[in-house]
Amino acid sequence: MKARGIALLVALGMSAAPLAALAADTAVALDVHHADCVLCGPIVKRTLAQVPGVKSVAVSQPDAMADVTATVVYDPAVTRVAALIKAVTDRGYPAVVKPAHPEKVQ
């Protein structure tokens, strides 16, 4: 009976480990400049998706003439925001972390 209890605890611990790993993921929004063409968004998305540790990438572009906003979910144990910025900047699309509360211009 004791062995069964230990086995159950081990099984529960192993199944909870992936949930703990998911909780560690972090999201960041990047303003990606010079990405104002139809092909730029997919290039930015593919470039970010190839960075080790990136779990998902979503890009949005309000209109064809606007820069891209990329929302990236990544594992901070594997990569850093600086690596994400470097990846897209090296492709010709300089990026910065999007401000949480953009200032309104009057």
PDB file of N, CA and C in Angstrom:
ATOM      1  N   MET A   1       0.816  -1.190   0.000  1.00  0.00           N
ATOM      2  CA  MET A   1       0.000   0.000   0.000  1.00  0.00           C
ATOM      3  C   MET A   1       0.863   1.257   0.000  1.00  0.00           C
ATOM      4  N   LYS A   2       1.938   1.212   0.793  1.00  0.00           N
ATOM      5  CA  LYS A   2       2.845   2.363   0.862  1.00  0.00           C
ATOM      6  C   LYS A   2       3.510   2.620  -0.491  1.00  0.00           C
ATOM      7  N   ALA A   3       3.886   1.547  -1.191  1.00  0.00           N
ATOM      8  CA  ALA A   3       4.516   1.682  -2.505  1.00  0.00           C
ATOM      9  C   ALA A   3       3.558   2.317  -3.511  1.00  0.00           C
ATOM     10  N   ARG A   4       2.269   1.964  -3.396  1.00  0.00           N
ATOM     11  CA  ARG A   4       1.268   2.552  -4.285  1.00  0.00           C
ATOM     12  C   ARG A   4       1.136   4.052  -4.048  1.00  0.00           C
ATOM     13  N   GLY A   5       1.157   4.448  -2.801  1.00  0.00           N
ATOM     14  CA  GLY A   5       1.071   5.867  -2.449  1.00  0.00           C
ATOM     15  C   GLY A   5       2.266   6.647  -2.980  1.00  0.00           C
ATOM     16  N   ILE A   6       3.439   6.050  -2.858  1.00  0.00           N
ATOM     17  CA  ILE A   6       4.649   6.705  -3.374  1.00  0.00           C
ATOM     18  C   ILE A   6       4.579   6.810  -4.889  1.00  0.00           C
ATOM     19  N   ALA A   7       4.133   5.765  -5.540  1.00  0.00           N
ATOM     20  CA  ALA A   7       4.012   5.778  -7.002  1.00  0.00           C
ATOM     21  C   ALA A   7       3.028   6.849  -7.447  1.00  0.00           C
ATOM     22  N   LEU A   8       1.940   6.991  -6.711  1.00  0.00           N
ATOM     23  CA  LEU A   8       0.948   8.007  -7.043  1.00  0.00           C
ATOM     24  C   LEU A   8       1.531   9.408  -6.890  1.00  0.00           C
ATOM     25  N   LEU A   9       2.267   9.637  -5.812  1.00  0.00           N
ATOM     26  CA  LEU A   9       2.902  10.943  -5.608  1.00  0.00           C
ATOM     27  C   LEU A   9       3.918  11.252  -6.702  1.00  0.00           C
ATOM     28  N   VAL A  10       4.697  10.250  -7.093  1.00  0.00           N
ATOM     29  CA  VAL A  10       5.676  10.446  -8.169  1.00  0.00           C
ATOM     30  C   VAL A  10       4.962  10.774  -9.472  1.00  0.00           C
ATOM     31  N   ALA A  11       3.877  10.051  -9.770  1.00  0.00           N
ATOM     32  CA  ALA A  11       3.130  10.303 -11.005  1.00  0.00           C
ATOM     33  C   ALA A  11       2.526  11.703 -10.999  1.00  0.00           C
ATOM     34  N   LEU A  12       1.966  12.114  -9.863  1.00  0.00           N
ATOM     35  CA  LEU A  12       1.405  13.458  -9.776  1.00  0.00           C
ATOM     36  C   LEU A  12       2.492  14.514  -9.931  1.00  0.00           C
ATOM     37  N   GLY A  13       3.633  14.288  -9.327  1.00  0.00           N
ATOM     38  CA  GLY A  13       4.745  15.234  -9.447  1.00  0.00           C
ATOM     39  C   GLY A  13       5.223  15.363 -10.879  1.00  0.00           C
ATOM     40  N   MET A  14       5.295  14.251 -11.576  1.00  0.00           N
ATOM     41  CA  MET A  14       5.752  14.279 -12.967  1.00  0.00           C
ATOM     42  C   MET A  14       4.731  14.966 -13.867  1.00  0.00           C
ATOM     43  N   SER A  15       3.448  14.797 -13.585  1.00  0.00           N
ATOM     44  CA  SER A  15       2.441  15.446 -14.427  1.00  0.00           C
ATOM     45  C   SER A  15       2.338  16.930 -14.115  1.00  0.00           C
ATOM     46  N   ALA A  16       2.686  17.341 -12.916  1.00  0.00           N
ATOM     47  CA  ALA A  16       2.634  18.758 -12.553  1.00  0.00           C
ATOM     48  C   ALA A  16       3.849  19.526 -13.065  1.00  0.00           C
ATOM     49  N   ALA A  17       4.943  18.841 -13.334  1.00  0.00           N
ATOM     50  CA  ALA A  17       6.163  19.511 -13.802  1.00  0.00           C
ATOM     51  C   ALA A  17       5.933  20.308 -15.076  1.00  0.00           C
ATOM     52  N   PRO A  18       5.243  19.766 -16.104  1.00  0.00           N
ATOM     53  CA  PRO A  18       4.998  20.583 -17.298  1.00  0.00           C
ATOM     54  C   PRO A  18       4.149  21.815 -17.006  1.00  0.00           C
ATOM     55  N   LEU A  19       3.226  21.726 -16.062  1.00  0.00           N
ATOM     56  CA  LEU A  19       2.420  22.884 -15.701  1.00  0.00           C
ATOM     57  C   LEU A  19       3.277  23.968 -15.074  1.00  0.00           C
ATOM     58  N   ALA A  20       4.239  23.587 -14.266  1.00  0.00           N
ATOM     59  CA  ALA A  20       5.142  24.567 -13.668  1.00  0.00           C
ATOM     60  C   ALA A  20       5.990  25.233 -14.740  1.00  0.00           C
ATOM     61  N   ALA A  21       6.394  24.461 -15.729  1.00  0.00           N
ATOM     62  CA  ALA A  21       7.194  25.028 -16.817  1.00  0.00           C
ATOM     63  C   ALA A  21       6.383  26.045 -17.613  1.00  0.00           C
ATOM     64  N   LEU A  22       5.109  25.766 -17.834  1.00  0.00           N
ATOM     65  CA  LEU A  22       4.266  26.712 -18.560  1.00  0.00           C
ATOM     66  C   LEU A  22       4.103  28.013 -17.786  1.00  0.00           C
ATOM     67  N   ALA A  23       4.024  27.916 -16.493  1.00  0.00           N
ATOM     68  CA  ALA A  23       3.855  29.110 -15.667  1.00  0.00           C
ATOM     69  C   ALA A  23       5.072  30.014 -15.755  1.00  0.00           C
ATOM     70  N   ALA A  24       6.209  29.467 -16.117  1.00  0.00           N
ATOM     71  CA  ALA A  24       7.441  30.244 -16.176  1.00  0.00           C
ATOM     72  C   ALA A  24       7.555  31.051 -17.472  1.00  0.00           C
ATOM     73  N   ASP A  25       6.731  30.756 -18.453  1.00  0.00           N
ATOM     74  CA  ASP A  25       6.818  31.489 -19.717  1.00  0.00           C
ATOM     75  C   ASP A  25       6.477  32.962 -19.511  1.00  0.00           C
ATOM     76  N   THR A  26       7.112  33.808 -20.316  1.00  0.00           N
ATOM     77  CA  THR A  26       6.943  35.253 -20.220  1.00  0.00           C
ATOM     78  C   THR A  26       6.534  35.790 -21.586  1.00  0.00           C
ATOM     79  N   ALA A  27       5.754  36.851 -21.578  1.00  0.00           N
ATOM     80  CA  ALA A  27       5.342  37.493 -22.833  1.00  0.00           C
ATOM     81  C   ALA A  27       5.911  38.904 -22.890  1.00  0.00           C
ATOM     82  N   VAL A  28       6.269  39.316 -24.101  1.00  0.00           N
ATOM     83  CA  VAL A  28       6.750  40.681 -24.330  1.00  0.00           C
ATOM     84  C   VAL A  28       6.173  41.171 -25.654  1.00  0.00           C
ATOM     85  N   ALA A  29       5.860  42.444 -25.699  1.00  0.00           N
ATOM     86  CA  ALA A  29       5.393  43.067 -26.944  1.00  0.00           C
ATOM     87  C   ALA A  29       6.523  43.942 -27.474  1.00  0.00           C
ATOM     88  N   LEU A  30       6.834  43.767 -28.744  1.00  0.00           N
ATOM     89  CA  LEU A  30       7.895  44.532 -29.395  1.00  0.00           C
ATOM     90  C   LEU A  30       7.317  45.431 -30.475  1.00  0.00           C
ATOM     91  N   ASP A  31       7.771  46.670 -30.523  1.00  0.00           N
ATOM     92  CA  ASP A  31       7.504  47.549 -31.656  1.00  0.00           C
ATOM     93  C   ASP A  31       8.616  47.289 -32.662  1.00  0.00           C
ATOM     94  N   VAL A  32       8.236  46.823 -33.841  1.00  0.00           N
ATOM     95  CA  VAL A  32       9.221  46.484 -34.868  1.00  0.00           C
ATOM     96  C   VAL A  32       9.116  47.524 -35.977  1.00  0.00           C
ATOM     97  N   HIS A  33      10.191  48.258 -36.177  1.00  0.00           N
ATOM     98  CA  HIS A  33      10.206  49.367 -37.132  1.00  0.00           C
ATOM     99  C   HIS A  33      10.667  48.910 -38.521  1.00  0.00           C
ATOM    100  N   HIS A  34      10.354  49.705 -39.519  1.00  0.00           N
ATOM    101  CA  HIS A  34      10.700  49.446 -40.930  1.00  0.00           C
ATOM    102  C   HIS A  34      10.032  48.178 -41.444  1.00  0.00           C
ATOM    103  N   ALA A  35       8.956  47.745 -40.787  1.00  0.00           N
ATOM    104  CA  ALA A  35       8.244  46.532 -41.193  1.00  0.00           C
ATOM    105  C   ALA A  35       6.887  46.934 -41.749  1.00  0.00           C
ATOM    106  N   ASP A  36       6.921  47.764 -42.780  1.00  0.00           N
ATOM    107  CA  ASP A  36       5.673  48.338 -43.276  1.00  0.00           C
ATOM    108  C   ASP A  36       5.281  47.838 -44.664  1.00  0.00           C
ATOM    109  N   CYS A  37       5.626  46.597 -44.956  1.00  0.00           N
ATOM    110  CA  CYS A  37       5.192  46.018 -46.229  1.00  0.00           C
ATOM    111  C   CYS A  37       4.432  44.731 -45.948  1.00  0.00           C
ATOM    112  N   VAL A  38       3.796  44.203 -46.957  1.00  0.00           N
ATOM    113  CA  VAL A  38       2.983  42.992 -46.811  1.00  0.00           C
ATOM    114  C   VAL A  38       3.820  41.792 -46.368  1.00  0.00           C
ATOM    115  N   LEU A  39       5.051  41.699 -46.809  1.00  0.00           N
ATOM    116  CA  LEU A  39       5.898  40.560 -46.468  1.00  0.00           C
ATOM    117  C   LEU A  39       6.626  40.719 -45.141  1.00  0.00           C
ATOM    118  N   CYS A  40       6.679  41.922 -44.613  1.00  0.00           N
ATOM    119  CA  CYS A  40       7.476  42.178 -43.402  1.00  0.00           C
ATOM    120  C   CYS A  40       6.941  41.439 -42.185  1.00  0.00           C
ATOM    121  N   GLY A  41       5.640  41.468 -41.972  1.00  0.00           N
ATOM    122  CA  GLY A  41       5.053  40.793 -40.810  1.00  0.00           C
ATOM    123  C   GLY A  41       5.402  39.316 -40.753  1.00  0.00           C
ATOM    124  N   PRO A  42       5.201  38.570 -41.841  1.00  0.00           N
ATOM    125  CA  PRO A  42       5.568  37.155 -41.822  1.00  0.00           C
ATOM    126  C   PRO A  42       7.072  36.925 -41.622  1.00  0.00           C
ATOM    127  N   ILE A  43       7.907  37.814 -42.159  1.00  0.00           N
ATOM    128  CA  ILE A  43       9.356  37.671 -41.960  1.00  0.00           C
ATOM    129  C   ILE A  43       9.700  37.873 -40.489  1.00  0.00           C
ATOM    130  N   VAL A  44       9.112  38.887 -39.877  1.00  0.00           N
ATOM    131  CA  VAL A  44       9.338  39.153 -38.454  1.00  0.00           C
ATOM    132  C   VAL A  44       8.878  37.952 -37.623  1.00  0.00           C
ATOM    133  N   LYS A  45       7.696  37.444 -37.924  1.00  0.00           N
ATOM    134  CA  LYS A  45       7.149  36.306 -37.179  1.00  0.00           C
ATOM    135  C   LYS A  45       8.052  35.086 -37.293  1.00  0.00           C
ATOM    136  N   ARG A  46       8.470  34.762 -38.503  1.00  0.00           N
ATOM    137  CA  ARG A  46       9.324  33.589 -38.721  1.00  0.00           C
ATOM    138  C   ARG A  46      10.675  33.762 -38.030  1.00  0.00           C
ATOM    139  N   THR A  47      11.231  34.975 -38.107  1.00  0.00           N
ATOM    140  CA  THR A  47      12.527  35.244 -37.480  1.00  0.00           C
ATOM    141  C   THR A  47      12.440  35.039 -35.971  1.00  0.00           C
ATOM    142  N   LEU A  48      11.413  35.582 -35.339  1.00  0.00           N
ATOM    143  CA  LEU A  48      11.266  35.434 -33.890  1.00  0.00           C
ATOM    144  C   LEU A  48      10.982  33.985 -33.498  1.00  0.00           C
ATOM    145  N   ALA A  49      10.191  33.289 -34.298  1.00  0.00           N
ATOM    146  CA  ALA A  49       9.849  31.900 -33.996  1.00  0.00           C
ATOM    147  C   ALA A  49      11.076  30.992 -34.020  1.00  0.00           C
ATOM    148  N   GLN A  50      12.117  31.388 -34.751  1.00  0.00           N
ATOM    149  CA  GLN A  50      13.324  30.567 -34.848  1.00  0.00           C
ATOM    150  C   GLN A  50      14.298  30.775 -33.688  1.00  0.00           C
ATOM    151  N   VAL A  51      14.030  31.760 -32.827  1.00  0.00           N
ATOM    152  CA  VAL A  51      14.899  31.985 -31.667  1.00  0.00           C
ATOM    153  C   VAL A  51      14.623  30.869 -30.656  1.00  0.00           C
ATOM    154  N   PRO A  52      15.673  30.164 -30.205  1.00  0.00           N
ATOM    155  CA  PRO A  52      15.461  29.100 -29.220  1.00  0.00           C
ATOM    156  C   PRO A  52      14.770  29.653 -27.968  1.00  0.00           C
ATOM    157  N   GLY A  53      13.788  28.914 -27.471  1.00  0.00           N
ATOM    158  CA  GLY A  53      13.054  29.325 -26.281  1.00  0.00           C
ATOM    159  C   GLY A  53      11.755  30.042 -26.575  1.00  0.00           C
ATOM    160  N   VAL A  54      11.533  30.424 -27.826  1.00  0.00           N
ATOM    161  CA  VAL A  54      10.286  31.099 -28.189  1.00  0.00           C
ATOM    162  C   VAL A  54       9.188  30.051 -28.326  1.00  0.00           C
ATOM    163  N   LYS A  55       8.083  30.302 -27.630  1.00  0.00           N
ATOM    164  CA  LYS A  55       6.947  29.375 -27.646  1.00  0.00           C
ATOM    165  C   LYS A  55       5.922  29.758 -28.701  1.00  0.00           C
ATOM    166  N   SER A  56       5.658  31.070 -28.837  1.00  0.00           N
ATOM    167  CA  SER A  56       4.690  31.523 -29.840  1.00  0.00           C
ATOM    168  C   SER A  56       4.952  32.980 -30.191  1.00  0.00           C
ATOM    169  N   VAL A  57       4.520  33.339 -31.396  1.00  0.00           N
ATOM    170  CA  VAL A  57       4.666  34.711 -31.885  1.00  0.00           C
ATOM    171  C   VAL A  57       3.369  35.100 -32.581  1.00  0.00           C
ATOM    172  N   ALA A  58       2.883  36.290 -32.256  1.00  0.00           N
ATOM    173  CA  ALA A  58       1.731  36.856 -32.960  1.00  0.00           C
ATOM    174  C   ALA A  58       2.132  38.250 -33.423  1.00  0.00           C
ATOM    175  N   VAL A  59       1.876  38.549 -34.685  1.00  0.00           N
ATOM    176  CA  VAL A  59       2.189  39.882 -35.192  1.00  0.00           C
ATOM    177  C   VAL A  59       0.901  40.570 -35.614  1.00  0.00           C
ATOM    178  N   SER A  60       0.885  41.867 -35.393  1.00  0.00           N
ATOM    179  CA  SER A  60      -0.264  42.653 -35.838  1.00  0.00           C
ATOM    180  C   SER A  60       0.249  43.922 -36.487  1.00  0.00           C
ATOM    181  N   GLN A  61      -0.526  44.385 -37.441  1.00  0.00           N
ATOM    182  CA  GLN A  61      -0.183  45.585 -38.193  1.00  0.00           C
ATOM    183  C   GLN A  61      -1.496  46.308 -38.477  1.00  0.00           C
ATOM    184  N   PRO A  62      -1.719  47.453 -37.818  1.00  0.00           N
ATOM    185  CA  PRO A  62      -3.011  48.137 -37.966  1.00  0.00           C
ATOM    186  C   PRO A  62      -3.373  48.462 -39.415  1.00  0.00           C
ATOM    187  N   ASP A  63      -2.385  48.818 -40.207  1.00  0.00           N
ATOM    188  CA  ASP A  63      -2.623  49.058 -41.631  1.00  0.00           C
ATOM    189  C   ASP A  63      -1.318  48.807 -42.381  1.00  0.00           C
ATOM    190  N   ALA A  64      -1.393  48.835 -43.688  1.00  0.00           N
ATOM    191  CA  ALA A  64      -0.247  48.468 -44.512  1.00  0.00           C
ATOM    192  C   ALA A  64       0.947  49.400 -44.353  1.00  0.00           C
ATOM    193  N   MET A  65       0.732  50.595 -43.858  1.00  0.00           N
ATOM    194  CA  MET A  65       1.826  51.551 -43.723  1.00  0.00           C
ATOM    195  C   MET A  65       2.377  51.636 -42.297  1.00  0.00           C
ATOM    196  N   ALA A  66       1.830  50.851 -41.376  1.00  0.00           N
ATOM    197  CA  ALA A  66       2.242  50.922 -39.967  1.00  0.00           C
ATOM    198  C   ALA A  66       3.330  49.896 -39.670  1.00  0.00           C
ATOM    199  N   ASP A  67       4.100  50.182 -38.631  1.00  0.00           N
ATOM    200  CA  ASP A  67       5.062  49.202 -38.155  1.00  0.00           C
ATOM    201  C   ASP A  67       4.321  48.033 -37.520  1.00  0.00           C
ATOM    202  N   VAL A  68       5.039  46.949 -37.314  1.00  0.00           N
ATOM    203  CA  VAL A  68       4.471  45.726 -36.760  1.00  0.00           C
ATOM    204  C   VAL A  68       4.633  45.713 -35.243  1.00  0.00           C
ATOM    205  N   THR A  69       3.628  45.190 -34.565  1.00  0.00           N
ATOM    206  CA  THR A  69       3.761  44.858 -33.146  1.00  0.00           C
ATOM    207  C   THR A  69       3.836  43.342 -33.068  1.00  0.00           C
ATOM    208  N   ALA A  70       4.893  42.838 -32.441  1.00  0.00           N
ATOM    209  CA  ALA A  70       5.063  41.400 -32.275  1.00  0.00           C
ATOM    210  C   ALA A  70       4.916  41.063 -30.800  1.00  0.00           C
ATOM    211  N   THR A  71       4.008  40.143 -30.496  1.00  0.00           N
ATOM    212  CA  THR A  71       3.847  39.654 -29.135  1.00  0.00           C
ATOM    213  C   THR A  71       4.470  38.271 -29.084  1.00  0.00           C
ATOM    214  N   VAL A  72       5.470  38.135 -28.225  1.00  0.00           N
ATOM    215  CA  VAL A  72       6.262  36.906 -28.174  1.00  0.00           C
ATOM    216  C   VAL A  72       6.132  36.276 -26.794  1.00  0.00           C
ATOM    217  N   VAL A  73       5.798  34.994 -26.761  1.00  0.00           N
ATOM    218  CA  VAL A  73       5.810  34.223 -25.527  1.00  0.00           C
ATOM    219  C   VAL A  73       7.072  33.368 -25.570  1.00  0.00           C
ATOM    220  N   TYR A  74       7.889  33.483 -24.523  1.00  0.00           N
ATOM    221  CA  TYR A  74       9.177  32.801 -24.525  1.00  0.00           C
ATOM    222  C   TYR A  74       9.503  32.273 -23.140  1.00  0.00           C
ATOM    223  N   ASP A  75      10.478  31.373 -23.096  1.00  0.00           N
ATOM    224  CA  ASP A  75      10.967  30.809 -21.844  1.00  0.00           C
ATOM    225  C   ASP A  75      12.190  31.619 -21.415  1.00  0.00           C
ATOM    226  N   PRO A  76      12.089  32.384 -20.327  1.00  0.00           N
ATOM    227  CA  PRO A  76      13.215  33.221 -19.914  1.00  0.00           C
ATOM    228  C   PRO A  76      14.423  32.426 -19.429  1.00  0.00           C
ATOM    229  N   ALA A  77      14.254  31.126 -19.213  1.00  0.00           N
ATOM    230  CA  ALA A  77      15.394  30.289 -18.855  1.00  0.00           C
ATOM    231  C   ALA A  77      16.229  29.944 -20.078  1.00  0.00           C
ATOM    232  N   VAL A  78      15.648  30.152 -21.276  1.00  0.00           N
ATOM    233  CA  VAL A  78      16.331  29.791 -22.519  1.00  0.00           C
ATOM    234  C   VAL A  78      16.785  31.019 -23.303  1.00  0.00           C
ATOM    235  N   THR A  79      15.991  32.069 -23.323  1.00  0.00           N
ATOM    236  CA  THR A  79      16.337  33.255 -24.109  1.00  0.00           C
ATOM    237  C   THR A  79      15.980  34.517 -23.337  1.00  0.00           C
ATOM    238  N   ARG A  80      16.411  35.637 -23.867  1.00  0.00           N
ATOM    239  CA  ARG A  80      16.181  36.947 -23.252  1.00  0.00           C
ATOM    240  C   ARG A  80      15.572  37.890 -24.292  1.00  0.00           C
ATOM    241  N   VAL A  81      14.975  38.971 -23.805  1.00  0.00           N
ATOM    242  CA  VAL A  81      14.387  39.975 -24.700  1.00  0.00           C
ATOM    243  C   VAL A  81      15.456  40.526 -25.635  1.00  0.00           C
ATOM    244  N   ALA A  82      16.657  40.711 -25.138  1.00  0.00           N
ATOM    245  CA  ALA A  82      17.738  41.236 -25.977  1.00  0.00           C
ATOM    246  C   ALA A  82      17.998  40.334 -27.182  1.00  0.00           C
ATOM    247  N   ALA A  83      17.879  39.032 -27.012  1.00  0.00           N
ATOM    248  CA  ALA A  83      18.086  38.100 -28.133  1.00  0.00           C
ATOM    249  C   ALA A  83      16.962  38.222 -29.161  1.00  0.00           C
ATOM    250  N   LEU A  84      15.742  38.470 -28.692  1.00  0.00           N
ATOM    251  CA  LEU A  84      14.618  38.658 -29.612  1.00  0.00           C
ATOM    252  C   LEU A  84      14.820  39.929 -30.434  1.00  0.00           C
ATOM    253  N   ILE A  85      15.200  41.004 -29.740  1.00  0.00           N
ATOM    254  CA  ILE A  85      15.438  42.276 -30.425  1.00  0.00           C
ATOM    255  C   ILE A  85      16.580  42.140 -31.423  1.00  0.00           C
ATOM    256  N   LYS A  86      17.645  41.466 -31.029  1.00  0.00           N
ATOM    257  CA  LYS A  86      18.798  41.282 -31.923  1.00  0.00           C
ATOM    258  C   LYS A  86      18.407  40.482 -33.166  1.00  0.00           C
ATOM    259  N   ALA A  87      17.580  39.463 -32.990  1.00  0.00           N
ATOM    260  CA  ALA A  87      17.195  38.622 -34.133  1.00  0.00           C
ATOM    261  C   ALA A  87      16.486  39.436 -35.212  1.00  0.00           C
ATOM    262  N   VAL A  88      15.506  40.245 -34.826  1.00  0.00           N
ATOM    263  CA  VAL A  88      14.783  41.017 -35.848  1.00  0.00           C
ATOM    264  C   VAL A  88      15.594  42.213 -36.335  1.00  0.00           C
ATOM    265  N   THR A  89      16.391  42.798 -35.456  1.00  0.00           N
ATOM    266  CA  THR A  89      17.247  43.916 -35.878  1.00  0.00           C
ATOM    267  C   THR A  89      18.263  43.444 -36.911  1.00  0.00           C
ATOM    268  N   ASP A  90      18.822  42.253 -36.701  1.00  0.00           N
ATOM    269  CA  ASP A  90      19.777  41.691 -37.666  1.00  0.00           C
ATOM    270  C   ASP A  90      19.137  41.420 -39.023  1.00  0.00           C
ATOM    271  N   ARG A  91      17.818  41.267 -39.067  1.00  0.00           N
ATOM    272  CA  ARG A  91      17.105  41.069 -40.336  1.00  0.00           C
ATOM    273  C   ARG A  91      16.709  42.385 -40.985  1.00  0.00           C
ATOM    274  N   GLY A  92      17.067  43.505 -40.329  1.00  0.00           N
ATOM    275  CA  GLY A  92      16.775  44.809 -40.912  1.00  0.00           C
ATOM    276  C   GLY A  92      15.556  45.494 -40.334  1.00  0.00           C
ATOM    277  N   TYR A  93      15.025  44.937 -39.255  1.00  0.00           N
ATOM    278  CA  TYR A  93      13.840  45.500 -38.615  1.00  0.00           C
ATOM    279  C   TYR A  93      14.159  45.857 -37.165  1.00  0.00           C
ATOM    280  N   PRO A  94      14.658  47.066 -36.911  1.00  0.00           N
ATOM    281  CA  PRO A  94      14.986  47.441 -35.535  1.00  0.00           C
ATOM    282  C   PRO A  94      13.747  47.336 -34.639  1.00  0.00           C
ATOM    283  N   ALA A  95      13.940  46.828 -33.442  1.00  0.00           N
ATOM    284  CA  ALA A  95      12.816  46.627 -32.526  1.00  0.00           C
ATOM    285  C   ALA A  95      13.140  47.181 -31.149  1.00  0.00           C
ATOM    286  N   VAL A  96      12.095  47.555 -30.439  1.00  0.00           N
ATOM    287  CA  VAL A  96      12.199  47.991 -29.050  1.00  0.00           C
ATOM    288  C   VAL A  96      11.017  47.390 -28.297  1.00  0.00           C
ATOM    289  N   VAL A  97      11.171  47.292 -26.975  1.00  0.00           N
ATOM    290  CA  VAL A  97      10.065  46.816 -26.164  1.00  0.00           C
ATOM    291  C   VAL A  97       8.971  47.873 -26.197  1.00  0.00           C
ATOM    292  N   LYS A  98       7.772  47.425 -26.471  1.00  0.00           N
ATOM    293  CA  LYS A  98       6.626  48.340 -26.545  1.00  0.00           C
ATOM    294  C   LYS A  98       6.318  48.851 -25.136  1.00  0.00           C
ATOM    295  N   PRO A  99       6.177  50.160 -24.980  1.00  0.00           N
ATOM    296  CA  PRO A  99       5.853  50.690 -23.653  1.00  0.00           C
ATOM    297  C   PRO A  99       4.509  50.161 -23.163  1.00  0.00           C
ATOM    298  N   ALA A 100       4.430  49.880 -21.872  1.00  0.00           N
ATOM    299  CA  ALA A 100       3.185  49.370 -21.299  1.00  0.00           C
ATOM    300  C   ALA A 100       2.068  50.400 -21.402  1.00  0.00           C
ATOM    301  N   HIS A 101       2.412  51.659 -21.198  1.00  0.00           N
ATOM    302  CA  HIS A 101       1.431  52.740 -21.281  1.00  0.00           C
ATOM    303  C   HIS A 101       1.991  53.827 -22.195  1.00  0.00           C
ATOM    304  N   PRO A 102       1.761  53.713 -23.504  1.00  0.00           N
ATOM    305  CA  PRO A 102       2.319  54.711 -24.407  1.00  0.00           C
ATOM    306  C   PRO A 102       1.821  56.125 -24.053  1.00  0.00           C
ATOM    307  N   GLU A 103       2.735  57.039 -24.157  1.00  0.00           N
ATOM    308  CA  GLU A 103       2.387  58.436 -23.881  1.00  0.00           C
ATOM    309  C   GLU A 103       1.567  58.991 -25.037  1.00  0.00           C
ATOM    310  N   LYS A 104       0.557  59.782 -24.706  1.00  0.00           N
ATOM    311  CA  LYS A 104      -0.268  60.411 -25.733  1.00  0.00           C
ATOM    312  C   LYS A 104       0.390  61.711 -26.160  1.00  0.00           C
ATOM    313  N   VAL A 105       0.469  61.904 -27.462  1.00  0.00           N
ATOM    314  CA  VAL A 105       1.041  63.135 -28.022  1.00  0.00           C
ATOM    315  C   VAL A 105      -0.095  64.123 -28.222  1.00  0.00           C
ATOM    316  N   GLN A 106       0.087  65.344 -27.716  1.00  0.00           N
ATOM    317  CA  GLN A 106      -0.979  66.330 -27.839  1.00  0.00           C
ATOM    318  C   GLN A 106      -0.694  67.285 -28.959  1.00  0.00           C
TER     319      GLN A 106
END
